[in-house]
Each structure stands twice: as structure tokens, then as C-alpha cells.
Amino acid sequence: MTVLALASLPCVAADSAVLRNGFSIRHERREVIGTITRLYVDGDNSSFVDVPTAEIDHFETVPEETAPPAKDAPASHAELQAGNASHPVDLNEVVTAASGTYRLDPDLVNSVIRAESGFNVRAVSPKGAQGLMQLMPQTASELGVQNAFDPWANVDGGTRYLRELLERYDFDLIKALAAYNAGPQRVEQYGGVPPYYETKAYVARIVRDFNQKKLAAKTGSQAATAKSSGSKPTGTSASATKARKSVPQTQAKASPTLNSE
């Protein structure tokens, strides 16, 4: 049975979409929209994550039993996904808030989250990195993140850390991403992206995903303009051209997509 056939079926009980990168996303139901599988992480469809269907390896049934939240602790997004709270969190809202606070493009933050955790708020790496933006315990502590599995705290801390790295490397996006993955010490040791396959693939994956988002947005904007004016879109803006040139083989600058003020 193919993944597409599985994804097309209605999801009655809670399931987990296991991605090819090893991460999983718990959801209440799912539907296929073109090449995207939309995973609804709550019962009333108010919170969802869009994942390329090709990135999904298979689906698994999740046991219904869940641990109750602590009485004195606010519900985390993991608990919200499990149905232990009545007000689900919109991941788009979480990313938008953090991006606005630290003046970063939300598409970039989403691309980092996709590469880090596959949007799994409970993801834990073999090295101990936790949550959506995979914060190491020491880094989380330095950023003031007390609960790395709380999406608001995790994304705020991770976005702040990414902003700090961008400023540290004069808004060189490639170096900042490499430092996020391998650590600033390794970037400074090698004067750029360290010669690790994992780090090179990580940087390439984020840049590719980010540039695809910007190109798709530009194409959609041109199509909408052409439709309203009755003319065909012509030319390409300088900002879009720069975004596509932000390839991992070069020391690309992030200034076209980030506010460095």
C-alpha cells in the first residue's frame, strides 16, 4: 500500500505520520491537497501542519492513553496535540510571533523547524536536542527556555538564537545555519561551513526549502497581478533574484530576506 493511498483515507483515531527523516507528527485526521498532506493536530481542525507527501514514510496508530497535564503547569503544545487541552495552538501563529519579535522571515524559521524536527514538538535527537527547533539543554538554559517542549518558548528561543548567529556572522545566512547545526566553534574553526556531510546537507536542505517558498510566493503574486490587470507577468524582481542566488555553495547573504536593523 502506498503512502498516497494511506494519506487519502480518513483518520478516525489519533495517528502518527512518520517522516523519512525519522521524526513523527501526531494528528487527529489528514487529507491530501495536491502534493501536500495536511495533518490536523487537533479535533476541531483549527491547527494543522502541511507536509510534502513525498516526505512521509508511513503512518502509525497512536495509543489513546495519554498522561494528564500537571495541575499547576500551562498546557504545552504536545499536550494540546494529544487532546489534553481545549484551546489548540496554531503553529503558524507561534512562528509569526517569534519572527516578528526578532525581525526574521517566518518562512526561514519554518524551514529551520522543518529541517530540525519535522514539526514534531516532542522530538528529541540522539544528542539530546529537544523540541521544534531542537534546542540543546545548555542552549535552552542560556536562552531562558525552561520547557523546550513548549512550542511558544522553544520557537521564541530558537528564533532568538538564529538571530544572534546572523548578527554574529554579519547576516551571512549560510554561516549562521551551519553554526546552528554544528556550533559556532566549528564554523570559526573552519572559516565557514565545516566539512561535515550532516551540516552541509542541513544547510542545503534549509536554503532549498526557503528559496522554494519565496519563489512560490513570487509566482503566486505575479499570477494574481496578471489576473487583476489582464496582462501576463513579466520580469523578476531583484529581491526574488537574490533569494534564488542564496545557494549553499556560496557565502550567501541573508539581507534580502531579513531585517538587520
C-alpha atoms as a PDB file:
ATOM      1  CA  MET A   1       0.000   0.000   0.000  1.00  0.00           C
ATOM      2  CA  THR A   2       1.448   3.352  -0.954  1.00  0.00           C
ATOM      3  CA  VAL A   3       1.776   6.408   1.268  1.00  0.00           C
ATOM      4  CA  LEU A   4      -0.583   8.340  -1.002  1.00  0.00           C
ATOM      5  CA  ALA A   5      -3.289   5.714  -0.595  1.00  0.00           C
ATOM      6  CA  LEU A   6      -2.849   5.750   3.165  1.00  0.00           C
ATOM      7  CA  ALA A   7      -2.938   9.531   3.305  1.00  0.00           C
ATOM      8  CA  SER A   8      -6.150   9.631   1.318  1.00  0.00           C
ATOM      9  CA  LEU A   9      -8.031   7.617   3.922  1.00  0.00           C
ATOM     10  CA  PRO A  10      -9.919   9.440   6.702  1.00  0.00           C
ATOM     11  CA  CYS A  11      -8.140   9.254  10.039  1.00  0.00           C
ATOM     12  CA  VAL A  12     -10.675   8.335  12.741  1.00  0.00           C
ATOM     13  CA  ALA A  13      -8.372   7.828  15.724  1.00  0.00           C
ATOM     14  CA  ALA A  14      -5.156   9.648  16.501  1.00  0.00           C
ATOM     15  CA  ASP A  15      -2.355   8.614  14.154  1.00  0.00           C
ATOM     16  CA  SER A  16       1.300   9.473  13.775  1.00  0.00           C
ATOM     17  CA  ALA A  17       2.839  10.389  10.431  1.00  0.00           C
ATOM     18  CA  VAL A  18       6.373   9.021  10.414  1.00  0.00           C
ATOM     19  CA  LEU A  19       8.611  11.106   8.150  1.00  0.00           C
ATOM     20  CA  ARG A  20      11.539   9.857   6.125  1.00  0.00           C
ATOM     21  CA  ASN A  21      13.893  11.849   8.380  1.00  0.00           C
ATOM     22  CA  GLY A  22      12.783   9.734  11.348  1.00  0.00           C
ATOM     23  CA  PHE A  23      10.570  12.324  13.018  1.00  0.00           C
ATOM     24  CA  SER A  24       6.842  11.867  13.544  1.00  0.00           C
ATOM     25  CA  ILE A  25       3.812  14.148  13.779  1.00  0.00           C
ATOM     26  CA  ARG A  26       0.754  13.120  15.765  1.00  0.00           C
ATOM     27  CA  HIS A  27      -2.554  14.168  14.214  1.00  0.00           C
ATOM     28  CA  GLU A  28      -6.286  13.578  14.508  1.00  0.00           C
ATOM     29  CA  ARG A  29      -7.020  13.377  10.788  1.00  0.00           C
ATOM     30  CA  ARG A  30      -5.382  14.114   7.448  1.00  0.00           C
ATOM     31  CA  GLU A  31      -6.180  14.967   3.863  1.00  0.00           C
ATOM     32  CA  VAL A  32      -4.159  15.158   0.652  1.00  0.00           C
ATOM     33  CA  ILE A  33      -4.098  18.522  -1.141  1.00  0.00           C
ATOM     34  CA  GLY A  34      -2.113  18.184  -4.345  1.00  0.00           C
ATOM     35  CA  THR A  35       1.415  17.165  -3.370  1.00  0.00           C
ATOM     36  CA  ILE A  36       0.817  18.171   0.270  1.00  0.00           C
ATOM     37  CA  THR A  37      -0.658  16.106   3.093  1.00  0.00           C
ATOM     38  CA  ARG A  38      -2.401  18.308   5.648  1.00  0.00           C
ATOM     39  CA  LEU A  39      -2.162  16.916   9.184  1.00  0.00           C
ATOM     40  CA  TYR A  40      -4.779  18.273  11.591  1.00  0.00           C
ATOM     41  CA  VAL A  41      -3.266  18.119  15.060  1.00  0.00           C
ATOM     42  CA  ASP A  42      -6.491  18.814  16.951  1.00  0.00           C
ATOM     43  CA  GLY A  43     -10.074  17.618  16.833  1.00  0.00           C
ATOM     44  CA  ASP A  44     -11.716  20.816  15.579  1.00  0.00           C
ATOM     45  CA  ASN A  45      -9.320  21.353  12.630  1.00  0.00           C
ATOM     46  CA  SER A  46      -8.105  24.718  13.957  1.00  0.00           C
ATOM     47  CA  SER A  47      -4.438  23.705  13.954  1.00  0.00           C
ATOM     48  CA  PHE A  48      -2.657  21.851  11.198  1.00  0.00           C
ATOM     49  CA  VAL A  49       0.733  21.240   9.591  1.00  0.00           C
ATOM     50  CA  ASP A  50       1.286  20.858   5.831  1.00  0.00           C
ATOM     51  CA  VAL A  51       3.903  18.233   4.925  1.00  0.00           C
ATOM     52  CA  PRO A  52       5.017  17.217   1.405  1.00  0.00           C
ATOM     53  CA  THR A  53       3.505  13.779   0.870  1.00  0.00           C
ATOM     54  CA  ALA A  54       6.822  12.523  -0.504  1.00  0.00           C
ATOM     55  CA  GLU A  55       8.439  13.189   2.892  1.00  0.00           C
ATOM     56  CA  ILE A  56       6.027  10.821   4.693  1.00  0.00           C
ATOM     57  CA  ASP A  57       7.273   7.243   5.040  1.00  0.00           C
ATOM     58  CA  HIS A  58       4.234   5.702   6.711  1.00  0.00           C
ATOM     59  CA  PHE A  59       1.513   6.169   9.317  1.00  0.00           C
ATOM     60  CA  GLU A  60       1.171   4.505  12.710  1.00  0.00           C
ATOM     61  CA  THR A  61      -1.744   4.237  15.127  1.00  0.00           C
ATOM     62  CA  VAL A  62      -1.134   6.062  18.411  1.00  0.00           C
ATOM     63  CA  PRO A  63      -2.424   4.590  21.702  1.00  0.00           C
ATOM     64  CA  GLU A  64      -5.310   6.623  23.082  1.00  0.00           C
ATOM     65  CA  GLU A  65      -3.990   6.633  26.653  1.00  0.00           C
ATOM     66  CA  THR A  66      -2.221   9.903  27.471  1.00  0.00           C
ATOM     67  CA  ALA A  67      -0.763  11.270  30.677  1.00  0.00           C
ATOM     68  CA  PRO A  68      -2.756  14.140  32.241  1.00  0.00           C
ATOM     69  CA  PRO A  69      -1.083  17.561  32.342  1.00  0.00           C
ATOM     70  CA  ALA A  70       0.336  18.905  35.596  1.00  0.00           C
ATOM     71  CA  LYS A  71      -2.282  20.851  37.524  1.00  0.00           C
ATOM     72  CA  ASP A  72      -0.138  23.925  38.049  1.00  0.00           C
ATOM     73  CA  ALA A  73       1.592  23.932  34.656  1.00  0.00           C
ATOM     74  CA  PRO A  74       0.211  25.554  31.499  1.00  0.00           C
ATOM     75  CA  ALA A  75      -0.646  23.088  28.750  1.00  0.00           C
ATOM     76  CA  SER A  76       2.175  22.578  26.283  1.00  0.00           C
ATOM     77  CA  HIS A  77       1.607  22.102  22.569  1.00  0.00           C
ATOM     78  CA  ALA A  78       2.451  18.426  22.955  1.00  0.00           C
ATOM     79  CA  GLU A  79      -0.481  18.140  25.362  1.00  0.00           C
ATOM     80  CA  LEU A  80      -2.639  20.170  23.021  1.00  0.00           C
ATOM     81  CA  GLN A  81      -1.838  17.782  20.195  1.00  0.00           C
ATOM     82  CA  ALA A  82      -2.743  14.849  22.421  1.00  0.00           C
ATOM     83  CA  GLY A  83      -6.152  16.344  23.135  1.00  0.00           C
ATOM     84  CA  ASN A  84      -5.488  17.292  26.763  1.00  0.00           C
ATOM     85  CA  ALA A  85      -6.437  20.954  26.348  1.00  0.00           C
ATOM     86  CA  SER A  86      -9.398  22.712  24.807  1.00  0.00           C
ATOM     87  CA  HIS A  87      -7.528  25.528  23.038  1.00  0.00           C
ATOM     88  CA  PRO A  88      -5.053  24.207  20.444  1.00  0.00           C
ATOM     89  CA  VAL A  89      -2.077  26.291  19.428  1.00  0.00           C
ATOM     90  CA  ASP A  90      -1.672  27.364  15.812  1.00  0.00           C
ATOM     91  CA  LEU A  91       1.950  26.695  14.831  1.00  0.00           C
ATOM     92  CA  ASN A  92       1.719  29.432  12.224  1.00  0.00           C
ATOM     93  CA  GLU A  93       0.815  31.880  14.973  1.00  0.00           C
ATOM     94  CA  VAL A  94       3.761  30.693  17.072  1.00  0.00           C
ATOM     95  CA  VAL A  95       6.220  31.192  14.205  1.00  0.00           C
ATOM     96  CA  THR A  96       4.742  34.537  13.187  1.00  0.00           C
ATOM     97  CA  ALA A  97       5.030  35.879  16.727  1.00  0.00           C
ATOM     98  CA  ALA A  98       8.663  34.835  17.172  1.00  0.00           C
ATOM     99  CA  SER A  99       9.627  36.025  13.688  1.00  0.00           C
ATOM    100  CA  GLY A 100       8.096  39.424  14.368  1.00  0.00           C
ATOM    101  CA  THR A 101       9.888  39.738  17.697  1.00  0.00           C
ATOM    102  CA  TYR A 102      13.328  39.009  16.242  1.00  0.00           C
ATOM    103  CA  ARG A 103      12.724  40.501  12.777  1.00  0.00           C
ATOM    104  CA  LEU A 104      13.214  37.345  10.737  1.00  0.00           C
ATOM    105  CA  ASP A 105      11.293  35.996   7.765  1.00  0.00           C
ATOM    106  CA  PRO A 106       8.749  33.444   9.078  1.00  0.00           C
ATOM    107  CA  ASP A 107       9.415  31.286   6.002  1.00  0.00           C
ATOM    108  CA  LEU A 108      13.036  30.971   7.120  1.00  0.00           C
ATOM    109  CA  VAL A 109      12.021  29.972  10.652  1.00  0.00           C
ATOM    110  CA  ASN A 110       9.581  27.411   9.248  1.00  0.00           C
ATOM    111  CA  SER A 111      12.311  25.979   7.027  1.00  0.00           C
ATOM    112  CA  VAL A 112      14.591  25.589  10.052  1.00  0.00           C
ATOM    113  CA  ILE A 113      11.837  23.883  12.045  1.00  0.00           C
ATOM    114  CA  ARG A 114      11.121  21.510   9.168  1.00  0.00           C
ATOM    115  CA  ALA A 115      14.801  20.515   8.972  1.00  0.00           C
ATOM    116  CA  GLU A 116      15.259  20.299  12.744  1.00  0.00           C
ATOM    117  CA  SER A 117      12.192  18.389  13.924  1.00  0.00           C
ATOM    118  CA  GLY A 118       9.742  17.872  11.089  1.00  0.00           C
ATOM    119  CA  PHE A 119       7.290  19.972  13.186  1.00  0.00           C
ATOM    120  CA  ASN A 120       7.295  17.410  15.993  1.00  0.00           C
ATOM    121  CA  VAL A 121       7.104  19.368  19.268  1.00  0.00           C
ATOM    122  CA  ARG A 122       8.280  16.339  21.240  1.00  0.00           C
ATOM    123  CA  ALA A 123      11.268  15.498  19.059  1.00  0.00           C
ATOM    124  CA  VAL A 124      14.450  14.513  20.887  1.00  0.00           C
ATOM    125  CA  SER A 125      17.697  13.942  18.987  1.00  0.00           C
ATOM    126  CA  PRO A 126      20.270  11.271  19.916  1.00  0.00           C
ATOM    127  CA  LYS A 127      22.435  14.110  21.280  1.00  0.00           C
ATOM    128  CA  GLY A 128      19.633  15.433  23.491  1.00  0.00           C
ATOM    129  CA  ALA A 129      18.347  18.399  21.447  1.00  0.00           C
ATOM    130  CA  GLN A 130      14.675  18.993  22.185  1.00  0.00           C
ATOM    131  CA  GLY A 131      11.510  20.368  20.652  1.00  0.00           C
ATOM    132  CA  LEU A 132      10.594  22.093  17.419  1.00  0.00           C
ATOM    133  CA  MET A 133      13.892  23.939  16.939  1.00  0.00           C
ATOM    134  CA  GLN A 134      15.954  21.238  18.652  1.00  0.00           C
ATOM    135  CA  LEU A 135      17.491  23.252  21.471  1.00  0.00           C
ATOM    136  CA  MET A 136      20.269  21.615  23.459  1.00  0.00           C
ATOM    137  CA  PRO A 137      19.597  21.813  27.222  1.00  0.00           C
ATOM    138  CA  GLN A 138      22.517  24.196  27.803  1.00  0.00           C
ATOM    139  CA  THR A 139      21.476  26.455  24.936  1.00  0.00           C
ATOM    140  CA  ALA A 140      17.863  26.423  26.126  1.00  0.00           C
ATOM    141  CA  SER A 141      19.012  27.388  29.619  1.00  0.00           C
ATOM    142  CA  GLU A 142      21.108  30.261  28.284  1.00  0.00           C
ATOM    143  CA  LEU A 143      18.117  31.492  26.281  1.00  0.00           C
ATOM    144  CA  GLY A 144      15.827  31.277  29.317  1.00  0.00           C
ATOM    145  CA  VAL A 145      13.734  28.437  27.879  1.00  0.00           C
ATOM    146  CA  GLN A 146      12.532  26.416  30.860  1.00  0.00           C
ATOM    147  CA  ASN A 147      10.423  23.924  28.916  1.00  0.00           C
ATOM    148  CA  ALA A 148      11.863  23.057  25.497  1.00  0.00           C
ATOM    149  CA  PHE A 149       8.702  21.121  24.633  1.00  0.00           C
ATOM    150  CA  ASP A 150       6.531  24.223  24.962  1.00  0.00           C
ATOM    151  CA  PRO A 151       6.224  25.437  21.336  1.00  0.00           C
ATOM    152  CA  TRP A 152       5.976  29.115  22.272  1.00  0.00           C
ATOM    153  CA  ALA A 153       9.116  29.028  24.413  1.00  0.00           C
ATOM    154  CA  ASN A 154      11.033  26.744  22.059  1.00  0.00           C
ATOM    155  CA  VAL A 155      10.368  28.689  18.869  1.00  0.00           C
ATOM    156  CA  ASP A 156      10.963  32.010  20.612  1.00  0.00           C
ATOM    157  CA  GLY A 157      14.303  30.759  21.963  1.00  0.00           C
ATOM    158  CA  GLY A 158      15.350  29.123  18.704  1.00  0.00           C
ATOM    159  CA  THR A 159      14.442  32.172  16.630  1.00  0.00           C
ATOM    160  CA  ARG A 160      16.309  34.425  19.030  1.00  0.00           C
ATOM    161  CA  TYR A 161      19.370  32.175  18.797  1.00  0.00           C
ATOM    162  CA  LEU A 162      19.207  32.178  14.985  1.00  0.00           C
ATOM    163  CA  ARG A 163      19.009  35.985  15.014  1.00  0.00           C
ATOM    164  CA  GLU A 164      22.049  36.160  17.293  1.00  0.00           C
ATOM    165  CA  LEU A 165      24.002  33.891  14.935  1.00  0.00           C
ATOM    166  CA  LEU A 166      23.035  36.005  11.929  1.00  0.00           C
ATOM    167  CA  GLU A 167      24.267  39.137  13.670  1.00  0.00           C
ATOM    168  CA  ARG A 168      27.445  37.325  14.725  1.00  0.00           C
ATOM    169  CA  TYR A 169      28.237  36.437  11.102  1.00  0.00           C
ATOM    170  CA  ASP A 170      27.205  39.765   9.554  1.00  0.00           C
ATOM    171  CA  PHE A 171      23.930  38.245   8.302  1.00  0.00           C
ATOM    172  CA  ASP A 172      25.658  35.508   6.339  1.00  0.00           C
ATOM    173  CA  LEU A 173      22.811  33.001   6.272  1.00  0.00           C
ATOM    174  CA  ILE A 174      24.985  30.037   5.316  1.00  0.00           C
ATOM    175  CA  LYS A 175      27.381  30.509   8.237  1.00  0.00           C
ATOM    176  CA  ALA A 176      24.515  31.146  10.648  1.00  0.00           C
ATOM    177  CA  LEU A 177      22.747  27.929   9.646  1.00  0.00           C
ATOM    178  CA  ALA A 178      25.992  25.954   9.842  1.00  0.00           C
ATOM    179  CA  ALA A 179      26.588  27.336  13.341  1.00  0.00           C
ATOM    180  CA  TYR A 180      23.032  26.456  14.370  1.00  0.00           C
ATOM    181  CA  ASN A 181      23.726  22.865  13.360  1.00  0.00           C
ATOM    182  CA  ALA A 182      27.383  22.294  14.234  1.00  0.00           C
ATOM    183  CA  GLY A 183      28.068  25.113  16.700  1.00  0.00           C
ATOM    184  CA  PRO A 184      29.822  28.483  16.281  1.00  0.00           C
ATOM    185  CA  GLN A 185      33.155  26.986  17.347  1.00  0.00           C
ATOM    186  CA  ARG A 186      33.225  24.672  14.319  1.00  0.00           C
ATOM    187  CA  VAL A 187      32.277  27.459  11.914  1.00  0.00           C
ATOM    188  CA  GLU A 188      35.066  29.655  13.229  1.00  0.00           C
ATOM    189  CA  GLN A 189      37.495  26.735  13.244  1.00  0.00           C
ATOM    190  CA  TYR A 190      36.942  26.098   9.533  1.00  0.00           C
ATOM    191  CA  GLY A 191      36.188  29.670   8.491  1.00  0.00           C
ATOM    192  CA  GLY A 192      32.767  28.705   7.181  1.00  0.00           C
ATOM    193  CA  VAL A 193      30.671  25.569   6.798  1.00  0.00           C
ATOM    194  CA  PRO A 194      32.565  22.711   8.490  1.00  0.00           C
ATOM    195  CA  PRO A 195      33.396  19.699   6.276  1.00  0.00           C
ATOM    196  CA  TYR A 196      30.686  17.522   7.780  1.00  0.00           C
ATOM    197  CA  TYR A 197      28.201  15.809   5.476  1.00  0.00           C
ATOM    198  CA  GLU A 198      25.395  16.287   8.008  1.00  0.00           C
ATOM    199  CA  THR A 199      25.974  20.038   8.268  1.00  0.00           C
ATOM    200  CA  LYS A 200      26.339  20.546   4.505  1.00  0.00           C
ATOM    201  CA  ALA A 201      23.137  18.597   3.841  1.00  0.00           C
ATOM    202  CA  TYR A 202      21.368  20.503   6.632  1.00  0.00           C
ATOM    203  CA  VAL A 203      22.283  23.914   5.226  1.00  0.00           C
ATOM    204  CA  ALA A 204      21.419  22.869   1.669  1.00  0.00           C
ATOM    205  CA  ARG A 205      18.040  21.487   2.769  1.00  0.00           C
ATOM    206  CA  ILE A 206      17.023  24.693   4.565  1.00  0.00           C
ATOM    207  CA  VAL A 207      18.209  27.027   1.808  1.00  0.00           C
ATOM    208  CA  ARG A 208      16.429  24.950  -0.837  1.00  0.00           C
ATOM    209  CA  ASP A 209      13.176  24.836   1.139  1.00  0.00           C
ATOM    210  CA  PHE A 210      13.356  28.558   1.950  1.00  0.00           C
ATOM    211  CA  ASN A 211      14.061  29.588  -1.657  1.00  0.00           C
ATOM    212  CA  GLN A 212      11.239  27.385  -2.911  1.00  0.00           C
ATOM    213  CA  LYS A 213       8.859  29.160  -0.546  1.00  0.00           C
ATOM    214  CA  LYS A 214       9.967  32.598  -1.772  1.00  0.00           C
ATOM    215  CA  LEU A 215       9.788  31.565  -5.430  1.00  0.00           C
ATOM    216  CA  ALA A 216       6.320  30.103  -4.963  1.00  0.00           C
ATOM    217  CA  ALA A 217       5.158  33.275  -3.226  1.00  0.00           C
ATOM    218  CA  LYS A 218       6.616  35.404  -6.027  1.00  0.00           C
ATOM    219  CA  THR A 219       4.994  33.275  -8.707  1.00  0.00           C
ATOM    220  CA  GLY A 220       1.647  33.456  -6.933  1.00  0.00           C
ATOM    221  CA  SER A 221       1.937  37.221  -6.590  1.00  0.00           C
ATOM    222  CA  GLN A 222       2.754  37.622 -10.275  1.00  0.00           C
ATOM    223  CA  ALA A 223      -0.168  35.407 -11.258  1.00  0.00           C
ATOM    224  CA  ALA A 224      -2.551  37.403  -9.059  1.00  0.00           C
ATOM    225  CA  THR A 225      -1.271  40.692 -10.507  1.00  0.00           C
ATOM    226  CA  ALA A 226      -1.573  39.390 -14.055  1.00  0.00           C
ATOM    227  CA  LYS A 227      -5.116  38.186 -13.395  1.00  0.00           C
ATOM    228  CA  SER A 228      -6.200  41.525 -11.947  1.00  0.00           C
ATOM    229  CA  SER A 229      -4.554  43.564 -14.715  1.00  0.00           C
ATOM    230  CA  GLY A 230      -5.341  41.192 -17.558  1.00  0.00           C
ATOM    231  CA  SER A 231      -1.686  41.013 -18.607  1.00  0.00           C
ATOM    232  CA  LYS A 232       0.964  38.330 -18.364  1.00  0.00           C
ATOM    233  CA  PRO A 233       3.617  38.645 -15.642  1.00  0.00           C
ATOM    234  CA  THR A 234       6.959  39.796 -16.948  1.00  0.00           C
ATOM    235  CA  GLY A 235      10.401  40.067 -15.422  1.00  0.00           C
ATOM    236  CA  THR A 236      11.646  39.126 -11.992  1.00  0.00           C
ATOM    237  CA  SER A 237      12.203  41.440  -9.076  1.00  0.00           C
ATOM    238  CA  ALA A 238      15.682  41.994  -7.725  1.00  0.00           C
ATOM    239  CA  SER A 239      14.719  40.599  -4.323  1.00  0.00           C
ATOM    240  CA  ALA A 240      13.465  37.326  -5.817  1.00  0.00           C
ATOM    241  CA  THR A 241      16.607  37.006  -7.886  1.00  0.00           C
ATOM    242  CA  LYS A 242      18.774  37.476  -4.824  1.00  0.00           C
ATOM    243  CA  ALA A 243      16.740  34.931  -2.894  1.00  0.00           C
ATOM    244  CA  ARG A 244      17.306  32.297  -5.585  1.00  0.00           C
ATOM    245  CA  LYS A 245      21.007  33.066  -5.548  1.00  0.00           C
ATOM    246  CA  SER A 246      21.183  32.201  -1.854  1.00  0.00           C
ATOM    247  CA  VAL A 247      22.560  28.753  -2.620  1.00  0.00           C
ATOM    248  CA  PRO A 248      24.627  26.743  -0.136  1.00  0.00           C
ATOM    249  CA  GLN A 249      27.657  26.603  -2.448  1.00  0.00           C
ATOM    250  CA  THR A 250      28.300  30.298  -1.841  1.00  0.00           C
ATOM    251  CA  GLN A 251      28.630  32.541   1.178  1.00  0.00           C
ATOM    252  CA  ALA A 252      25.121  33.864   0.592  1.00  0.00           C
ATOM    253  CA  LYS A 253      23.919  36.918   2.462  1.00  0.00           C
ATOM    254  CA  ALA A 254      20.521  36.948   4.096  1.00  0.00           C
ATOM    255  CA  SER A 255      19.947  40.687   3.793  1.00  0.00           C
ATOM    256  CA  PRO A 256      17.315  40.406   1.021  1.00  0.00           C
ATOM    257  CA  THR A 257      15.059  38.397   3.329  1.00  0.00           C
ATOM    258  CA  LEU A 258      15.981  39.608   6.812  1.00  0.00           C
ATOM    259  CA  ASN A 259      15.598  42.871   8.611  1.00  0.00           C
ATOM    260  CA  SER A 260      19.032  43.673  10.013  1.00  0.00           C
ATOM    261  CA  GLU A 261      18.019  46.878  11.683  1.00  0.00           C
END
